C-alpha atoms as a PDB file:
ATOM      1  CA  MET A   1     -29.740  -8.102  -7.932  1.00  0.00           C
ATOM      2  CA  PRO A   2     -29.057  -5.001  -5.813  1.00  0.00           C
ATOM      3  CA  ALA A   3     -25.582  -4.423  -4.483  1.00  0.00           C
ATOM      4  CA  ASP A   4     -24.809  -6.086  -1.169  1.00  0.00           C
ATOM      5  CA  LEU A   5     -23.838  -2.922   0.661  1.00  0.00           C
ATOM      6  CA  TYR A   6     -22.772  -4.775   3.793  1.00  0.00           C
ATOM      7  CA  ALA A   7     -20.273  -6.915   1.846  1.00  0.00           C
ATOM      8  CA  ALA A   8     -19.099  -3.900  -0.143  1.00  0.00           C
ATOM      9  CA  SER A   9     -18.440  -1.819   2.941  1.00  0.00           C
ATOM     10  CA  VAL A  10     -18.013  -3.409   6.365  1.00  0.00           C
ATOM     11  CA  PRO A  11     -15.352  -6.020   5.534  1.00  0.00           C
ATOM     12  CA  VAL A  12     -13.542  -3.545   3.273  1.00  0.00           C
ATOM     13  CA  TYR A  13     -13.527  -0.780   5.861  1.00  0.00           C
ATOM     14  CA  ALA A  14     -12.568  -3.232   8.619  1.00  0.00           C
ATOM     15  CA  ARG A  15      -9.625  -4.565   6.619  1.00  0.00           C
ATOM     16  CA  PHE A  16      -8.197  -1.187   5.705  1.00  0.00           C
ATOM     17  CA  VAL A  17      -8.878   0.524   9.036  1.00  0.00           C
ATOM     18  CA  ALA A  18      -6.899  -2.371  10.537  1.00  0.00           C
ATOM     19  CA  ARG A  19      -4.025  -1.583   8.119  1.00  0.00           C
ATOM     20  CA  ILE A  20      -3.562   1.927   9.545  1.00  0.00           C
ATOM     21  CA  PRO A  21      -1.531   0.608  12.526  1.00  0.00           C
ATOM     22  CA  ALA A  22       0.852  -1.055  10.041  1.00  0.00           C
ATOM     23  CA  LEU A  23       1.373   2.317   8.379  1.00  0.00           C
ATOM     24  CA  LEU A  24       2.147   3.862  11.756  1.00  0.00           C
ATOM     25  CA  ALA A  25       4.495   1.127  12.982  1.00  0.00           C
ATOM     26  CA  TYR A  26       7.659   2.792  11.750  1.00  0.00           C
ATOM     27  CA  ASP A  27      10.858   4.036  13.299  1.00  0.00           C
ATOM     28  CA  GLY A  28      12.342   7.329  12.314  1.00  0.00           C
ATOM     29  CA  ALA A  29      10.759  10.140  10.312  1.00  0.00           C
ATOM     30  CA  PRO A  30       9.249  11.612  13.511  1.00  0.00           C
ATOM     31  CA  ASP A  31       7.516  14.411  11.616  1.00  0.00           C
ATOM     32  CA  ALA A  32       6.118  12.133   8.891  1.00  0.00           C
ATOM     33  CA  LEU A  33       2.500  12.598   9.985  1.00  0.00           C
ATOM     34  CA  THR A  34       2.824  16.363   9.476  1.00  0.00           C
ATOM     35  CA  PHE A  35       4.253  15.979   5.963  1.00  0.00           C
ATOM     36  CA  ARG A  36       2.194  17.437   3.101  1.00  0.00           C
ATOM     37  CA  LEU A  37       2.626  16.113  -0.421  1.00  0.00           C
ATOM     38  CA  MET A  38       1.911  19.577  -1.802  1.00  0.00           C
ATOM     39  CA  PRO A  39       1.108  22.952  -0.287  1.00  0.00           C
ATOM     40  CA  GLY A  40      -2.619  23.230   0.332  1.00  0.00           C
ATOM     41  CA  MET A  41      -3.064  19.476   0.844  1.00  0.00           C
ATOM     42  CA  LEU A  42      -3.831  17.798   4.124  1.00  0.00           C
ATOM     43  CA  SER A  43      -0.892  16.302   6.003  1.00  0.00           C
ATOM     44  CA  ALA A  44      -0.366  12.531   6.101  1.00  0.00           C
ATOM     45  CA  GLY A  45      -1.910  12.396   9.591  1.00  0.00           C
ATOM     46  CA  GLU A  46      -4.855  14.560   8.593  1.00  0.00           C
ATOM     47  CA  ASN A  47      -5.499  12.327   5.579  1.00  0.00           C
ATOM     48  CA  LEU A  48      -5.484   9.164   7.704  1.00  0.00           C
ATOM     49  CA  HIS A  49      -7.788  10.896  10.205  1.00  0.00           C
ATOM     50  CA  THR A  50     -10.134  11.932   7.385  1.00  0.00           C
ATOM     51  CA  ALA A  51     -10.155   8.388   5.960  1.00  0.00           C
ATOM     52  CA  GLN A  52     -11.180   7.092   9.380  1.00  0.00           C
ATOM     53  CA  GLY A  53     -13.945   9.686   9.524  1.00  0.00           C
ATOM     54  CA  TYR A  54     -15.419   8.429   6.268  1.00  0.00           C
ATOM     55  CA  VAL A  55     -16.277   5.099   7.896  1.00  0.00           C
ATOM     56  CA  PRO A  56     -19.032   6.360  10.224  1.00  0.00           C
ATOM     57  CA  ARG A  57     -19.890   9.130   7.757  1.00  0.00           C
ATOM     58  CA  ALA A  58     -20.722   6.415   5.226  1.00  0.00           C
ATOM     59  CA  LEU A  59     -22.318   3.791   7.417  1.00  0.00           C
ATOM     60  CA  THR A  60     -24.412   5.635  10.005  1.00  0.00           C
ATOM     61  CA  PRO A  61     -26.873   7.098   7.483  1.00  0.00           C
ATOM     62  CA  LEU A  62     -27.188   3.703   5.793  1.00  0.00           C
ATOM     63  CA  THR A  63     -27.663   1.658   8.951  1.00  0.00           C
ATOM     64  CA  GLY A  64     -29.162   4.046  11.497  1.00  0.00           C
ATOM     65  CA  THR A  65     -26.597   2.807  14.008  1.00  0.00           C
ATOM     66  CA  GLN A  66     -24.751   4.953  16.517  1.00  0.00           C
ATOM     67  CA  ALA A  67     -21.145   5.564  15.512  1.00  0.00           C
ATOM     68  CA  PRO A  68     -18.383   5.417  18.075  1.00  0.00           C
ATOM     69  CA  ASP A  69     -17.308   8.685  19.632  1.00  0.00           C
ATOM     70  CA  LEU A  70     -14.030   9.210  17.806  1.00  0.00           C
ATOM     71  CA  PRO A  71     -11.571  11.597  19.419  1.00  0.00           C
ATOM     72  CA  GLU A  72     -10.731  14.531  17.192  1.00  0.00           C
ATOM     73  CA  GLY A  73      -7.496  15.143  19.052  1.00  0.00           C
ATOM     74  CA  PRO A  74      -4.163  15.698  17.366  1.00  0.00           C
ATOM     75  CA  HIS A  75      -3.391  13.841  14.158  1.00  0.00           C
ATOM     76  CA  ASP A  76      -0.667  11.858  15.879  1.00  0.00           C
ATOM     77  CA  ALA A  77      -0.011   8.119  15.935  1.00  0.00           C
ATOM     78  CA  ALA A  78      -1.601   7.557  19.363  1.00  0.00           C
ATOM     79  CA  THR A  79      -4.871   9.223  18.350  1.00  0.00           C
ATOM     80  CA  LEU A  80      -4.975   7.481  14.962  1.00  0.00           C
ATOM     81  CA  LEU A  81      -4.324   4.094  16.585  1.00  0.00           C
ATOM     82  CA  HIS A  82      -7.068   4.714  19.154  1.00  0.00           C
ATOM     83  CA  ARG A  83      -9.521   5.752  16.437  1.00  0.00           C
ATOM     84  CA  SER A  84      -8.697   2.632  14.393  1.00  0.00           C
ATOM     85  CA  ALA A  85      -9.362   0.420  17.424  1.00  0.00           C
ATOM     86  CA  LEU A  86     -12.712   2.122  18.109  1.00  0.00           C
ATOM     87  CA  LEU A  87     -13.737   1.813  14.472  1.00  0.00           C
ATOM     88  CA  GLY A  88     -12.722  -1.841  14.338  1.00  0.00           C
ATOM     89  CA  ASP A  89     -14.806  -2.608  17.419  1.00  0.00           C
ATOM     90  CA  TRP A  90     -17.802  -0.738  15.983  1.00  0.00           C
ATOM     91  CA  LEU A  91     -17.546  -2.381  12.568  1.00  0.00           C
ATOM     92  CA  ALA A  92     -17.582  -5.781  14.266  1.00  0.00           C
ATOM     93  CA  THR A  93     -21.062  -4.995  15.630  1.00  0.00           C
ATOM     94  CA  LEU A  94     -22.603  -4.318  12.207  1.00  0.00           C
ATOM     95  CA  THR A  95     -24.497  -7.113  10.459  1.00  0.00           C
ATOM     96  CA  PRO A  96     -26.020  -7.591   7.010  1.00  0.00           C
ATOM     97  CA  GLN A  97     -29.424  -7.026   8.639  1.00  0.00           C
ATOM     98  CA  ASP A  98     -28.376  -3.428   9.402  1.00  0.00           C
ATOM     99  CA  PHE A  99     -28.253  -2.811   5.633  1.00  0.00           C
ATOM    100  CA  VAL A 100     -31.670  -4.180   4.631  1.00  0.00           C
ATOM    101  CA  ASN A 101     -32.995  -0.857   3.279  1.00  0.00           C
ATOM    102  CA  ALA A 102     -29.677   0.898   2.831  1.00  0.00           C
ATOM    103  CA  ALA A 103     -29.664   0.997  -0.975  1.00  0.00           C
ATOM    104  CA  GLN A 104     -32.979   2.885  -1.072  1.00  0.00           C
ATOM    105  CA  THR A 105     -32.051   5.293   1.721  1.00  0.00           C
ATOM    106  CA  ARG A 106     -31.647   8.880   0.544  1.00  0.00           C
ATOM    107  CA  VAL A 107     -28.479  10.450   1.905  1.00  0.00           C
ATOM    108  CA  THR A 108     -28.147  14.211   1.877  1.00  0.00           C
ATOM    109  CA  HIS A 109     -24.612  15.398   2.512  1.00  0.00           C
ATOM    110  CA  ARG A 110     -22.009  17.940   1.604  1.00  0.00           C
ATOM    111  CA  ALA A 111     -19.065  17.217  -0.712  1.00  0.00           C
ATOM    112  CA  GLY A 112     -16.746  20.187  -0.482  1.00  0.00           C
ATOM    113  CA  GLU A 113     -19.037  23.049  -1.452  1.00  0.00           C
ATOM    114  CA  ALA A 114     -21.625  20.833  -3.177  1.00  0.00           C
ATOM    115  CA  ASP A 115     -24.872  19.799  -1.510  1.00  0.00           C
ATOM    116  CA  LEU A 116     -25.841  16.327  -2.694  1.00  0.00           C
ATOM    117  CA  THR A 117     -28.700  13.898  -2.218  1.00  0.00           C
ATOM    118  CA  GLN A 118     -27.906  10.380  -3.356  1.00  0.00           C
ATOM    119  CA  SER A 119     -29.389   6.928  -3.030  1.00  0.00           C
ATOM    120  CA  GLY A 120     -27.647   4.815  -0.404  1.00  0.00           C
ATOM    121  CA  ASP A 121     -25.927   2.601  -2.947  1.00  0.00           C
ATOM    122  CA  THR A 122     -24.671   5.555  -5.000  1.00  0.00           C
ATOM    123  CA  PHE A 123     -23.564   7.385  -1.847  1.00  0.00           C
ATOM    124  CA  LEU A 124     -21.563   4.394  -0.624  1.00  0.00           C
ATOM    125  CA  LEU A 125     -20.158   3.028  -3.874  1.00  0.00           C
ATOM    126  CA  HIS A 126     -19.557   6.253  -5.802  1.00  0.00           C
ATOM    127  CA  TYR A 127     -18.810   8.728  -3.018  1.00  0.00           C
ATOM    128  CA  ALA A 128     -17.934   7.350   0.423  1.00  0.00           C
ATOM    129  CA  LEU A 129     -15.715   4.376  -0.463  1.00  0.00           C
ATOM    130  CA  PRO A 130     -13.721   6.303  -3.115  1.00  0.00           C
ATOM    131  CA  ASN A 131     -13.195   9.191  -0.692  1.00  0.00           C
ATOM    132  CA  PHE A 132     -12.079   6.808   2.060  1.00  0.00           C
ATOM    133  CA  PHE A 133      -9.473   5.322  -0.286  1.00  0.00           C
ATOM    134  CA  PHE A 134      -8.429   8.744  -1.607  1.00  0.00           C
ATOM    135  CA  HIS A 135      -7.537   9.895   1.907  1.00  0.00           C
ATOM    136  CA  LEU A 136      -6.016   6.559   2.929  1.00  0.00           C
ATOM    137  CA  VAL A 137      -3.747   6.548  -0.138  1.00  0.00           C
ATOM    138  CA  ALA A 138      -2.873  10.231   0.347  1.00  0.00           C
ATOM    139  CA  GLY A 139      -1.879   9.445   3.949  1.00  0.00           C
ATOM    140  CA  TYR A 140       0.211   6.468   2.813  1.00  0.00           C
ATOM    141  CA  ALA A 141       1.838   8.524   0.036  1.00  0.00           C
ATOM    142  CA  GLY A 142       2.581  11.344   2.467  1.00  0.00           C
ATOM    143  CA  LEU A 143       4.294   8.952   4.848  1.00  0.00           C
ATOM    144  CA  ARG A 144       6.315   7.429   1.994  1.00  0.00           C
ATOM    145  CA  ALA A 145       7.314  10.861   0.706  1.00  0.00           C
ATOM    146  CA  ALA A 146       8.414  11.825   4.226  1.00  0.00           C
ATOM    147  CA  GLY A 147      10.854   8.917   4.194  1.00  0.00           C
ATOM    148  CA  VAL A 148       8.895   6.214   5.999  1.00  0.00           C
ATOM    149  CA  PRO A 149      10.006   2.903   4.466  1.00  0.00           C
ATOM    150  CA  LEU A 150       6.545   1.527   3.703  1.00  0.00           C
ATOM    151  CA  SER A 151       5.725  -0.990   1.016  1.00  0.00           C
ATOM    152  CA  LYS A 152       2.579  -1.822  -0.876  1.00  0.00           C
ATOM    153  CA  GLY A 153       2.293  -4.779   1.510  1.00  0.00           C
ATOM    154  CA  ASP A 154       2.107  -2.365   4.466  1.00  0.00           C
ATOM    155  CA  PHE A 155      -0.801  -0.708   2.718  1.00  0.00           C
ATOM    156  CA  ASP A 156      -2.834  -3.740   1.697  1.00  0.00           C
ATOM    157  CA  GLY A 157      -1.442  -6.635   3.717  1.00  0.00           C
ATOM    158  CA  PHE A 158      -1.272  -8.824   0.604  1.00  0.00           C
ATOM    159  CA  HIS A 159       1.856  -7.865  -1.312  1.00  0.00           C
ATOM    160  CA  SER A 160       5.316  -8.982  -0.254  1.00  0.00           C
ATOM    161  CA  TYR A 161       8.633  -7.671  -1.498  1.00  0.00           C
ATOM    162  CA  PRO A 162      12.220  -8.211  -0.306  1.00  0.00           C
ATOM    163  CA  PRO A 163      13.801  -5.464   1.830  1.00  0.00           C
ATOM    164  CA  GLY A 164      15.009  -2.563  -0.291  1.00  0.00           C
ATOM    165  CA  PHE A 165      12.900  -3.538  -3.303  1.00  0.00           C
ATOM    166  CA  ALA A 166      12.046  -0.659  -5.622  1.00  0.00           C
ATOM    167  CA  PHE A 167      10.097  -0.537  -8.855  1.00  0.00           C
ATOM    168  CA  GLN A 168      12.340   0.436 -11.736  1.00  0.00           C
ATOM    169  CA  GLY A 169       9.964   1.463 -14.500  1.00  0.00           C
ATOM    170  CA  THR A 170       8.383  -1.981 -14.724  1.00  0.00           C
ATOM    171  CA  GLY A 171       4.893  -0.601 -15.286  1.00  0.00           C
ATOM    172  CA  ILE A 172       3.524  -2.837 -12.530  1.00  0.00           C
END
């Protein structure tokens, strides 16, 4: 049975795009979005912006739908919140029917300096979703490293820990 690309993408993207406001709902660390984990890496804000960009980058070639016009703007909280709202509204319009031929679609795209052509299912499952999560996690990690008191629950909306909880070499 071929992968259900709608189920593998739209609800997943919708859930985690909707988590971005939770990552931005912090007090203090005013420069956190400009923080870079390492020199040469994107800042936390740029990573969150890039993660958002992977949503239409992944789904428009698979569905043939028109993506929302996302503001490029600064990589600040207001712009990121606006982009998340636009993406959430757009994702809500997509249906399983939009993905009928998506797995067989050939997607030609650029990955860094590499030119690739992949089947729709390979493009989504092996390239687009992993890159979305790479940038989302890098944005989260950048915010944490900048001193924003985020938890794993802020990232995924599932986990819950008491205030001040910290892992102490538990391997979890």
